[in-house]
Amino acid sequence: MRTLLITAAVLGLAACGEDPQIANRVKQDAASFQGTGKAAPYMASGWKAGDRGSWEAQLKTRTQMGQNDYAKVN
């Protein structure tokens, strides 16, 4: 009976364990303007992956059109 209780306790505590956490395998050390290497439907039409000037122009346009309240009102 003692062995059965110990076995039940061990199995019960083993079920409370935490799943292992796996690190994200996405490469994070590349510059943002390099892109992901995958064509996505939500990418801006004028942006070319790897072109820093194009990236900065897209950021400037998005900032002026989407975040500039003065431009939205007028």
N, C-alpha and C. Protein backbone atom coordinates (compact mmCIF):
# COMPACT_ATOMS: atom_id res chain seq x y z
N MET A 1 0.82 -1.18 0.00
CA MET A 1 0.00 0.00 0.00
C MET A 1 0.88 1.26 0.00
N ARG A 2 1.96 1.21 0.75
CA ARG A 2 2.87 2.35 0.83
C ARG A 2 3.49 2.63 -0.53
N THR A 3 3.89 1.60 -1.24
CA THR A 3 4.50 1.76 -2.56
C THR A 3 3.49 2.36 -3.53
N LEU A 4 2.25 1.94 -3.43
CA LEU A 4 1.20 2.46 -4.30
C LEU A 4 0.98 3.96 -4.04
N LEU A 5 0.98 4.38 -2.80
CA LEU A 5 0.82 5.79 -2.46
C LEU A 5 2.00 6.63 -2.94
N ILE A 6 3.19 6.11 -2.77
CA ILE A 6 4.39 6.83 -3.22
C ILE A 6 4.37 6.96 -4.74
N THR A 7 4.01 5.90 -5.43
CA THR A 7 3.95 5.93 -6.89
C THR A 7 2.89 6.92 -7.36
N ALA A 8 1.75 6.93 -6.70
CA ALA A 8 0.68 7.87 -7.06
C ALA A 8 1.13 9.31 -6.81
N ALA A 9 1.84 9.55 -5.74
CA ALA A 9 2.32 10.90 -5.42
C ALA A 9 3.35 11.36 -6.46
N VAL A 10 4.25 10.48 -6.84
CA VAL A 10 5.28 10.83 -7.83
C VAL A 10 4.62 11.13 -9.18
N LEU A 11 3.68 10.29 -9.59
CA LEU A 11 3.00 10.53 -10.87
C LEU A 11 2.16 11.80 -10.82
N GLY A 12 1.55 12.07 -9.69
CA GLY A 12 0.75 13.28 -9.54
C GLY A 12 1.59 14.53 -9.61
N LEU A 13 2.77 14.49 -9.00
CA LEU A 13 3.67 15.65 -9.05
C LEU A 13 4.33 15.82 -10.41
N ALA A 14 4.53 14.72 -11.12
CA ALA A 14 5.14 14.80 -12.44
C ALA A 14 4.20 15.51 -13.41
N ALA A 15 2.91 15.40 -13.21
CA ALA A 15 1.94 16.05 -14.09
C ALA A 15 1.93 17.56 -13.88
N CYS A 16 2.48 18.05 -12.80
CA CYS A 16 2.50 19.48 -12.52
C CYS A 16 3.72 20.18 -13.12
N GLY A 17 4.53 19.45 -13.84
CA GLY A 17 5.75 20.02 -14.41
C GLY A 17 5.47 21.04 -15.47
N GLU A 18 6.43 21.88 -15.74
CA GLU A 18 6.30 22.94 -16.73
C GLU A 18 6.89 22.46 -18.05
N ASP A 19 6.25 22.82 -19.15
CA ASP A 19 6.76 22.47 -20.46
C ASP A 19 8.06 23.23 -20.71
N PRO A 20 9.01 22.63 -21.42
CA PRO A 20 10.26 23.33 -21.72
C PRO A 20 10.01 24.52 -22.64
N GLN A 21 10.71 25.60 -22.39
CA GLN A 21 10.57 26.80 -23.20
C GLN A 21 11.68 26.82 -24.25
N ILE A 22 11.28 26.93 -25.49
CA ILE A 22 12.23 26.90 -26.59
C ILE A 22 12.42 28.33 -27.10
N ALA A 23 13.67 28.71 -27.27
CA ALA A 23 13.97 30.07 -27.73
C ALA A 23 13.46 30.28 -29.14
N ASN A 24 13.10 31.50 -29.46
CA ASN A 24 12.63 31.87 -30.78
C ASN A 24 13.78 31.68 -31.77
N ARG A 25 13.53 31.02 -32.86
CA ARG A 25 14.59 30.72 -33.82
C ARG A 25 14.68 31.77 -34.94
N VAL A 26 14.01 32.90 -34.78
CA VAL A 26 14.05 33.95 -35.78
C VAL A 26 15.35 34.73 -35.61
N LYS A 27 16.03 34.99 -36.70
CA LYS A 27 17.28 35.74 -36.65
C LYS A 27 16.97 37.20 -36.34
N GLN A 28 17.45 37.71 -35.23
CA GLN A 28 17.12 39.06 -34.78
C GLN A 28 18.26 40.06 -34.99
N ASP A 29 19.39 39.64 -35.49
CA ASP A 29 20.53 40.55 -35.56
C ASP A 29 20.67 41.23 -36.92
N ALA A 30 19.74 41.04 -37.82
CA ALA A 30 19.81 41.71 -39.11
C ALA A 30 19.15 43.09 -39.01
N ALA A 31 19.58 43.99 -39.87
CA ALA A 31 18.98 45.32 -39.89
C ALA A 31 17.53 45.22 -40.37
N SER A 32 16.69 46.12 -39.90
CA SER A 32 15.27 46.07 -40.23
C SER A 32 15.01 46.20 -41.72
N PHE A 33 15.79 47.00 -42.41
CA PHE A 33 15.54 47.21 -43.83
C PHE A 33 15.91 46.00 -44.68
N GLN A 34 16.56 44.99 -44.09
CA GLN A 34 16.90 43.78 -44.83
C GLN A 34 15.67 42.92 -45.11
N GLY A 35 14.64 43.06 -44.28
CA GLY A 35 13.43 42.27 -44.47
C GLY A 35 13.57 40.87 -43.93
N THR A 36 12.56 40.04 -44.18
CA THR A 36 12.56 38.67 -43.68
C THR A 36 12.93 37.66 -44.74
N GLY A 37 12.97 38.09 -45.99
CA GLY A 37 13.26 37.15 -47.06
C GLY A 37 12.01 36.46 -47.59
N LYS A 38 10.86 36.78 -47.02
CA LYS A 38 9.60 36.20 -47.45
C LYS A 38 8.70 37.32 -47.97
N ALA A 39 8.06 37.08 -49.08
CA ALA A 39 7.10 38.06 -49.60
C ALA A 39 5.83 37.93 -48.78
N ALA A 40 5.36 39.03 -48.27
CA ALA A 40 4.16 39.02 -47.45
C ALA A 40 3.11 39.94 -48.07
N PRO A 41 1.85 39.60 -47.92
CA PRO A 41 0.82 40.44 -48.53
C PRO A 41 0.66 41.81 -47.88
N TYR A 42 1.22 41.99 -46.70
CA TYR A 42 1.08 43.26 -46.00
C TYR A 42 2.28 44.18 -46.19
N MET A 43 3.22 43.82 -47.04
CA MET A 43 4.38 44.67 -47.28
C MET A 43 3.98 45.88 -48.12
N ALA A 44 4.62 47.00 -47.87
CA ALA A 44 4.34 48.22 -48.64
C ALA A 44 4.77 48.01 -50.08
N SER A 45 4.00 48.56 -51.00
CA SER A 45 4.25 48.30 -52.42
C SER A 45 5.55 48.94 -52.93
N GLY A 46 5.97 50.08 -52.40
CA GLY A 46 7.16 50.75 -52.89
C GLY A 46 8.45 50.32 -52.22
N TRP A 47 8.36 49.44 -51.26
CA TRP A 47 9.55 49.06 -50.51
C TRP A 47 10.23 47.86 -51.14
N LYS A 48 11.56 47.92 -51.22
CA LYS A 48 12.35 46.80 -51.74
C LYS A 48 13.24 46.29 -50.61
N ALA A 49 13.18 45.01 -50.34
CA ALA A 49 13.99 44.43 -49.26
C ALA A 49 15.48 44.66 -49.54
N GLY A 50 16.19 45.13 -48.53
CA GLY A 50 17.62 45.37 -48.64
C GLY A 50 18.00 46.78 -49.06
N ASP A 51 17.05 47.59 -49.46
CA ASP A 51 17.30 48.96 -49.90
C ASP A 51 17.02 49.91 -48.74
N ARG A 52 18.06 50.43 -48.15
CA ARG A 52 17.89 51.28 -46.96
C ARG A 52 17.17 52.59 -47.29
N GLY A 53 17.47 53.18 -48.43
CA GLY A 53 16.81 54.42 -48.81
C GLY A 53 15.31 54.22 -49.00
N SER A 54 14.94 53.13 -49.63
CA SER A 54 13.53 52.81 -49.82
C SER A 54 12.85 52.59 -48.47
N TRP A 55 13.54 51.93 -47.56
CA TRP A 55 13.00 51.69 -46.20
C TRP A 55 12.74 53.01 -45.48
N GLU A 56 13.72 53.91 -45.54
CA GLU A 56 13.57 55.20 -44.86
C GLU A 56 12.47 56.04 -45.50
N ALA A 57 12.33 55.96 -46.82
CA ALA A 57 11.26 56.71 -47.49
C ALA A 57 9.89 56.17 -47.07
N GLN A 58 9.76 54.86 -46.94
CA GLN A 58 8.50 54.27 -46.50
C GLN A 58 8.17 54.68 -45.07
N LEU A 59 9.18 54.70 -44.20
CA LEU A 59 8.95 55.13 -42.82
C LEU A 59 8.52 56.59 -42.76
N LYS A 60 9.15 57.43 -43.57
CA LYS A 60 8.79 58.85 -43.59
C LYS A 60 7.36 59.03 -44.08
N THR A 61 6.99 58.32 -45.14
CA THR A 61 5.62 58.40 -45.68
C THR A 61 4.61 57.92 -44.66
N ARG A 62 4.90 56.80 -44.01
CA ARG A 62 3.97 56.26 -43.02
C ARG A 62 3.83 57.20 -41.83
N THR A 63 4.92 57.84 -41.44
CA THR A 63 4.86 58.78 -40.33
C THR A 63 4.02 59.99 -40.69
N GLN A 64 4.22 60.52 -41.89
CA GLN A 64 3.48 61.72 -42.31
C GLN A 64 2.00 61.43 -42.54
N MET A 65 1.68 60.31 -43.10
CA MET A 65 0.30 60.00 -43.44
C MET A 65 -0.49 59.42 -42.27
N GLY A 66 0.16 58.63 -41.43
CA GLY A 66 -0.57 57.93 -40.40
C GLY A 66 -0.46 58.51 -39.01
N GLN A 67 0.61 59.25 -38.73
CA GLN A 67 0.83 59.72 -37.37
C GLN A 67 0.82 61.23 -37.25
N ASN A 68 0.70 61.93 -38.33
CA ASN A 68 0.71 63.40 -38.30
C ASN A 68 -0.75 63.87 -38.24
N ASP A 69 -1.20 64.29 -37.08
CA ASP A 69 -2.58 64.72 -36.90
C ASP A 69 -2.89 66.00 -37.69
N TYR A 70 -1.92 66.84 -37.89
CA TYR A 70 -2.14 68.05 -38.66
C TYR A 70 -2.49 67.70 -40.11
N ALA A 71 -1.79 66.72 -40.67
CA ALA A 71 -2.06 66.29 -42.05
C ALA A 71 -3.43 65.62 -42.15
N LYS A 72 -3.85 64.91 -41.10
CA LYS A 72 -5.15 64.25 -41.12
C LYS A 72 -6.29 65.25 -41.10
N VAL A 73 -6.16 66.34 -40.33
CA VAL A 73 -7.22 67.32 -40.16
C VAL A 73 -7.35 68.19 -41.40
N ASN A 74 -6.24 68.59 -41.97
CA ASN A 74 -6.26 69.53 -43.10
C ASN A 74 -6.27 68.82 -44.38
